[in-house]
PDB file of all heavy atoms in Angstrom:
ATOM      1  N   TYR A   1     -27.409   0.031   4.733  1.00  0.00           N
ATOM      2  CA  TYR A   1     -27.896   0.396   6.062  1.00  0.00           C
ATOM      3  C   TYR A   1     -26.744   0.718   6.999  1.00  0.00           C
ATOM      4  O   TYR A   1     -25.673   0.131   6.901  1.00  0.00           O
ATOM      5  CB  TYR A   1     -28.670  -0.767   6.695  1.00  0.00           C
ATOM      6  CG  TYR A   1     -29.826  -1.248   5.865  1.00  0.00           C
ATOM      7  CD1 TYR A   1     -29.678  -2.331   5.003  1.00  0.00           C
ATOM      8  CD2 TYR A   1     -31.062  -0.628   5.938  1.00  0.00           C
ATOM      9  CE1 TYR A   1     -30.733  -2.780   4.236  1.00  0.00           C
ATOM     10  CE2 TYR A   1     -32.125  -1.074   5.173  1.00  0.00           C
ATOM     11  CZ  TYR A   1     -31.957  -2.155   4.321  1.00  0.00           C
ATOM     12  OH  TYR A   1     -32.996  -2.590   3.560  1.00  0.00           O
ATOM     13  N   VAL A   2     -27.011   1.624   7.916  1.00  0.00           N
ATOM     14  CA  VAL A   2     -26.132   1.854   9.050  1.00  0.00           C
ATOM     15  C   VAL A   2     -27.008   1.663  10.288  1.00  0.00           C
ATOM     16  O   VAL A   2     -27.954   2.417  10.511  1.00  0.00           O
ATOM     17  CB  VAL A   2     -25.514   3.265   9.035  1.00  0.00           C
ATOM     18  CG1 VAL A   2     -24.678   3.488  10.297  1.00  0.00           C
ATOM     19  CG2 VAL A   2     -24.670   3.471   7.790  1.00  0.00           C
ATOM     20  N   ILE A   3     -26.703   0.616  11.036  1.00  0.00           N
ATOM     21  CA  ILE A   3     -27.426   0.351  12.286  1.00  0.00           C
ATOM     22  C   ILE A   3     -26.588   0.992  13.385  1.00  0.00           C
ATOM     23  O   ILE A   3     -25.482   0.554  13.676  1.00  0.00           O
ATOM     24  CB  ILE A   3     -27.609  -1.155  12.520  1.00  0.00           C
ATOM     25  CG1 ILE A   3     -28.269  -1.802  11.301  1.00  0.00           C
ATOM     26  CG2 ILE A   3     -28.440  -1.398  13.782  1.00  0.00           C
ATOM     27  CD1 ILE A   3     -28.248  -3.320  11.315  1.00  0.00           C
ATOM     28  N   ASP A   4     -27.119   2.045  13.958  1.00  0.00           N
ATOM     29  CA  ASP A   4     -26.371   2.880  14.895  1.00  0.00           C
ATOM     30  C   ASP A   4     -26.985   2.799  16.295  1.00  0.00           C
ATOM     31  O   ASP A   4     -28.116   2.359  16.468  1.00  0.00           O
ATOM     32  CB  ASP A   4     -26.395   4.327  14.393  1.00  0.00           C
ATOM     33  CG  ASP A   4     -25.304   5.191  14.977  1.00  0.00           C
ATOM     34  OD1 ASP A   4     -24.500   4.695  15.791  1.00  0.00           O
ATOM     35  OD2 ASP A   4     -25.259   6.384  14.619  1.00  0.00           O
ATOM     36  N   HIS A   5     -26.227   3.230  17.269  1.00  0.00           N
ATOM     37  CA  HIS A   5     -26.661   3.282  18.675  1.00  0.00           C
ATOM     38  C   HIS A   5     -26.976   1.905  19.254  1.00  0.00           C
ATOM     39  O   HIS A   5     -27.847   1.772  20.115  1.00  0.00           O
ATOM     40  CB  HIS A   5     -27.850   4.229  18.855  1.00  0.00           C
ATOM     41  CG  HIS A   5     -27.578   5.607  18.348  1.00  0.00           C
ATOM     42  ND1 HIS A   5     -26.680   6.457  18.949  1.00  0.00           N
ATOM     43  CD2 HIS A   5     -28.062   6.259  17.262  1.00  0.00           C
ATOM     44  CE1 HIS A   5     -26.641   7.584  18.266  1.00  0.00           C
ATOM     45  NE2 HIS A   5     -27.449   7.499  17.240  1.00  0.00           N
ATOM     46  N   ILE A   6     -26.266   0.891  18.785  1.00  0.00           N
ATOM     47  CA  ILE A   6     -26.374  -0.437  19.385  1.00  0.00           C
ATOM     48  C   ILE A   6     -25.586  -0.380  20.695  1.00  0.00           C
ATOM     49  O   ILE A   6     -24.442   0.093  20.688  1.00  0.00           O
ATOM     50  CB  ILE A   6     -25.778  -1.517  18.462  1.00  0.00           C
ATOM     51  CG1 ILE A   6     -26.474  -1.511  17.096  1.00  0.00           C
ATOM     52  CG2 ILE A   6     -25.854  -2.895  19.111  1.00  0.00           C
ATOM     53  CD1 ILE A   6     -25.751  -2.346  16.043  1.00  0.00           C
ATOM     54  N   PRO A   7     -26.148  -0.829  21.812  1.00  0.00           N
ATOM     55  CA  PRO A   7     -25.370  -0.803  23.048  1.00  0.00           C
ATOM     56  C   PRO A   7     -24.045  -1.548  22.878  1.00  0.00           C
ATOM     57  O   PRO A   7     -23.987  -2.595  22.232  1.00  0.00           O
ATOM     58  CB  PRO A   7     -26.264  -1.520  24.055  1.00  0.00           C
ATOM     59  CG  PRO A   7     -27.645  -1.335  23.520  1.00  0.00           C
ATOM     60  CD  PRO A   7     -27.498  -1.351  22.021  1.00  0.00           C
ATOM     61  N   ALA A   8     -22.983  -0.987  23.452  1.00  0.00           N
ATOM     62  CA  ALA A   8     -21.651  -1.595  23.342  1.00  0.00           C
ATOM     63  C   ALA A   8     -21.712  -3.053  23.790  1.00  0.00           C
ATOM     64  O   ALA A   8     -22.289  -3.379  24.820  1.00  0.00           O
ATOM     65  CB  ALA A   8     -20.644  -0.818  24.182  1.00  0.00           C
ATOM     66  N   GLY A   9     -21.147  -3.921  22.967  1.00  0.00           N
ATOM     67  CA  GLY A   9     -21.118  -5.345  23.269  1.00  0.00           C
ATOM     68  C   GLY A   9     -22.248  -6.141  22.645  1.00  0.00           C
ATOM     69  O   GLY A   9     -22.217  -7.369  22.653  1.00  0.00           O
ATOM     70  N   LYS A  10     -23.256  -5.480  22.073  1.00  0.00           N
ATOM     71  CA  LYS A  10     -24.384  -6.203  21.475  1.00  0.00           C
ATOM     72  C   LYS A  10     -24.323  -6.251  19.947  1.00  0.00           C
ATOM     73  O   LYS A  10     -25.157  -6.869  19.309  1.00  0.00           O
ATOM     74  CB  LYS A  10     -25.710  -5.596  21.928  1.00  0.00           C
ATOM     75  CG  LYS A  10     -25.965  -5.826  23.405  1.00  0.00           C
ATOM     76  CD  LYS A  10     -27.388  -5.549  23.764  1.00  0.00           C
ATOM     77  CE  LYS A  10     -27.614  -5.902  25.232  1.00  0.00           C
ATOM     78  NZ  LYS A  10     -29.014  -5.798  25.590  1.00  0.00           N
ATOM     79  N   GLY A  11     -23.327  -5.605  19.360  1.00  0.00           N
ATOM     80  CA  GLY A  11     -23.206  -5.578  17.908  1.00  0.00           C
ATOM     81  C   GLY A  11     -23.046  -6.958  17.292  1.00  0.00           C
ATOM     82  O   GLY A  11     -23.651  -7.267  16.263  1.00  0.00           O
ATOM     83  N   MET A  12     -22.244  -7.814  17.923  1.00  0.00           N
ATOM     84  CA  MET A  12     -22.044  -9.170  17.386  1.00  0.00           C
ATOM     85  C   MET A  12     -23.326  -9.985  17.477  1.00  0.00           C
ATOM     86  O   MET A  12     -23.598 -10.804  16.601  1.00  0.00           O
ATOM     87  CB  MET A  12     -20.902  -9.883  18.107  1.00  0.00           C
ATOM     88  CG  MET A  12     -19.530  -9.414  17.676  1.00  0.00           C
ATOM     89  SD  MET A  12     -19.230  -9.483  15.890  1.00  0.00           S
ATOM     90  CE  MET A  12     -19.310 -11.230  15.578  1.00  0.00           C
ATOM     91  N   ARG A  13     -24.123  -9.779  18.508  1.00  0.00           N
ATOM     92  CA  ARG A  13     -25.403 -10.501  18.628  1.00  0.00           C
ATOM     93  C   ARG A  13     -26.340 -10.086  17.493  1.00  0.00           C
ATOM     94  O   ARG A  13     -27.002 -10.920  16.885  1.00  0.00           O
ATOM     95  CB  ARG A  13     -26.034 -10.225  19.996  1.00  0.00           C
ATOM     96  CG  ARG A  13     -27.389 -10.849  20.185  1.00  0.00           C
ATOM     97  CD  ARG A  13     -27.301 -12.336  20.516  1.00  0.00           C
ATOM     98  NE  ARG A  13     -28.634 -12.827  20.843  1.00  0.00           N
ATOM     99  CZ  ARG A  13     -29.241 -13.795  20.169  1.00  0.00           C
ATOM    100  NH1 ARG A  13     -28.628 -14.407  19.184  1.00  0.00           N
ATOM    101  NH2 ARG A  13     -30.454 -14.170  20.485  1.00  0.00           N
ATOM    102  N   VAL A  14     -26.400  -8.786  17.189  1.00  0.00           N
ATOM    103  CA  VAL A  14     -27.209  -8.309  16.062  1.00  0.00           C
ATOM    104  C   VAL A  14     -26.692  -8.923  14.760  1.00  0.00           C
ATOM    105  O   VAL A  14     -27.468  -9.416  13.938  1.00  0.00           O
ATOM    106  CB  VAL A  14     -27.204  -6.761  15.984  1.00  0.00           C
ATOM    107  CG1 VAL A  14     -27.878  -6.277  14.707  1.00  0.00           C
ATOM    108  CG2 VAL A  14     -27.870  -6.165  17.215  1.00  0.00           C
ATOM    109  N   TYR A  15     -25.384  -8.933  14.584  1.00  0.00           N
ATOM    110  CA  TYR A  15     -24.741  -9.525  13.401  1.00  0.00           C
ATOM    111  C   TYR A  15     -25.151 -10.992  13.239  1.00  0.00           C
ATOM    112  O   TYR A  15     -25.512 -11.435  12.150  1.00  0.00           O
ATOM    113  CB  TYR A  15     -23.224  -9.388  13.553  1.00  0.00           C
ATOM    114  CG  TYR A  15     -22.402  -9.977  12.439  1.00  0.00           C
ATOM    115  CD1 TYR A  15     -22.115  -9.245  11.288  1.00  0.00           C
ATOM    116  CD2 TYR A  15     -21.896 -11.267  12.533  1.00  0.00           C
ATOM    117  CE1 TYR A  15     -21.346  -9.781  10.271  1.00  0.00           C
ATOM    118  CE2 TYR A  15     -21.121 -11.811  11.521  1.00  0.00           C
ATOM    119  CZ  TYR A  15     -20.856 -11.069  10.389  1.00  0.00           C
ATOM    120  OH  TYR A  15     -20.094 -11.611   9.383  1.00  0.00           O
ATOM    121  N   GLU A  16     -25.108 -11.742  14.330  1.00  0.00           N
ATOM    122  CA  GLU A  16     -25.447 -13.173  14.286  1.00  0.00           C
ATOM    123  C   GLU A  16     -26.933 -13.396  14.011  1.00  0.00           C
ATOM    124  O   GLU A  16     -27.295 -14.235  13.179  1.00  0.00           O
ATOM    125  CB  GLU A  16     -25.065 -13.842  15.604  1.00  0.00           C
ATOM    126  CG  GLU A  16     -23.574 -13.926  15.818  1.00  0.00           C
ATOM    127  CD  GLU A  16     -23.195 -14.246  17.258  1.00  0.00           C
ATOM    128  OE1 GLU A  16     -24.096 -14.360  18.122  1.00  0.00           O
ATOM    129  OE2 GLU A  16     -21.983 -14.372  17.518  1.00  0.00           O
ATOM    130  N   VAL A  17     -27.802 -12.659  14.691  1.00  0.00           N
ATOM    131  CA  VAL A  17     -29.243 -12.855  14.537  1.00  0.00           C
ATOM    132  C   VAL A  17     -29.704 -12.484  13.123  1.00  0.00           C
ATOM    133  O   VAL A  17     -30.582 -13.130  12.560  1.00  0.00           O
ATOM    134  CB  VAL A  17     -30.012 -12.058  15.611  1.00  0.00           C
ATOM    135  CG1 VAL A  17     -31.491 -11.998  15.320  1.00  0.00           C
ATOM    136  CG2 VAL A  17     -29.784 -12.666  16.978  1.00  0.00           C
ATOM    137  N   LEU A  18     -29.088 -11.469  12.535  1.00  0.00           N
ATOM    138  CA  LEU A  18     -29.444 -11.073  11.167  1.00  0.00           C
ATOM    139  C   LEU A  18     -28.768 -11.950  10.113  1.00  0.00           C
ATOM    140  O   LEU A  18     -29.012 -11.786   8.923  1.00  0.00           O
ATOM    141  CB  LEU A  18     -29.076  -9.604  10.922  1.00  0.00           C
ATOM    142  CG  LEU A  18     -29.878  -8.574  11.699  1.00  0.00           C
ATOM    143  CD1 LEU A  18     -29.366  -7.169  11.394  1.00  0.00           C
ATOM    144  CD2 LEU A  18     -31.363  -8.679  11.395  1.00  0.00           C
ATOM    145  N   LYS A  19     -27.900 -12.872  10.557  1.00  0.00           N
ATOM    146  CA  LYS A  19     -27.180 -13.793   9.663  1.00  0.00           C
ATOM    147  C   LYS A  19     -26.388 -13.040   8.597  1.00  0.00           C
ATOM    148  O   LYS A  19     -26.394 -13.379   7.417  1.00  0.00           O
ATOM    149  CB  LYS A  19     -28.149 -14.789   9.036  1.00  0.00           C
ATOM    150  CG  LYS A  19     -28.843 -15.653  10.067  1.00  0.00           C
ATOM    151  CD  LYS A  19     -29.805 -16.622   9.433  1.00  0.00           C
ATOM    152  CE  LYS A  19     -30.315 -17.566  10.480  1.00  0.00           C
ATOM    153  NZ  LYS A  19     -31.646 -17.453  10.877  1.00  0.00           N
ATOM    154  N   LEU A  20     -25.663 -12.018   9.045  1.00  0.00           N
ATOM    155  CA  LEU A  20     -24.891 -11.185   8.115  1.00  0.00           C
ATOM    156  C   LEU A  20     -23.631 -11.869   7.614  1.00  0.00           C
ATOM    157  O   LEU A  20     -23.067 -11.451   6.606  1.00  0.00           O
ATOM    158  CB  LEU A  20     -24.545  -9.852   8.780  1.00  0.00           C
ATOM    159  CG  LEU A  20     -25.756  -8.997   9.192  1.00  0.00           C
ATOM    160  CD1 LEU A  20     -25.286  -7.722   9.885  1.00  0.00           C
ATOM    161  CD2 LEU A  20     -26.634  -8.675   7.998  1.00  0.00           C
ATOM    162  N   SER A  21     -23.188 -12.932   8.270  1.00  0.00           N
ATOM    163  CA  SER A  21     -21.978 -13.625   7.827  1.00  0.00           C
ATOM    164  C   SER A  21     -22.183 -14.306   6.473  1.00  0.00           C
ATOM    165  O   SER A  21     -21.225 -14.564   5.769  1.00  0.00           O
ATOM    166  CB  SER A  21     -21.530 -14.650   8.863  1.00  0.00           C
ATOM    167  OG  SER A  21     -22.507 -15.663   9.006  1.00  0.00           O
ATOM    168  N   GLY A  22     -23.419 -14.563   6.098  1.00  0.00           N
ATOM    169  CA  GLY A  22     -23.705 -15.226   4.832  1.00  0.00           C
ATOM    170  C   GLY A  22     -23.808 -14.289   3.642  1.00  0.00           C
ATOM    171  O   GLY A  22     -24.038 -14.735   2.518  1.00  0.00           O
ATOM    172  N   LEU A  23     -23.636 -12.999   3.867  1.00  0.00           N
ATOM    173  CA  LEU A  23     -23.761 -12.035   2.778  1.00  0.00           C
ATOM    174  C   LEU A  23     -22.473 -11.944   1.965  1.00  0.00           C
ATOM    175  O   LEU A  23     -21.386 -12.152   2.486  1.00  0.00           O
ATOM    176  CB  LEU A  23     -24.089 -10.640   3.329  1.00  0.00           C
ATOM    177  CG  LEU A  23     -25.404 -10.491   4.084  1.00  0.00           C
ATOM    178  CD1 LEU A  23     -25.544  -9.065   4.592  1.00  0.00           C
ATOM    179  CD2 LEU A  23     -26.575 -10.854   3.197  1.00  0.00           C
ATOM    180  N   SER A  24     -22.614 -11.588   0.697  1.00  0.00           N
ATOM    181  CA  SER A  24     -21.435 -11.399  -0.148  1.00  0.00           C
ATOM    182  C   SER A  24     -21.050  -9.916  -0.250  1.00  0.00           C
ATOM    183  O   SER A  24     -20.027  -9.587  -0.830  1.00  0.00           O
ATOM    184  CB  SER A  24     -21.686 -11.970  -1.548  1.00  0.00           C
ATOM    185  OG  SER A  24     -22.811 -11.332  -2.138  1.00  0.00           O
TER     186      SER A  24
END
């Protein structure tokens, strides 16, 4: 996936809510 057009500064919030840090 490419999640595009996220307002500047909200990318980390999307990253956290989707729990992407746990992916390999």
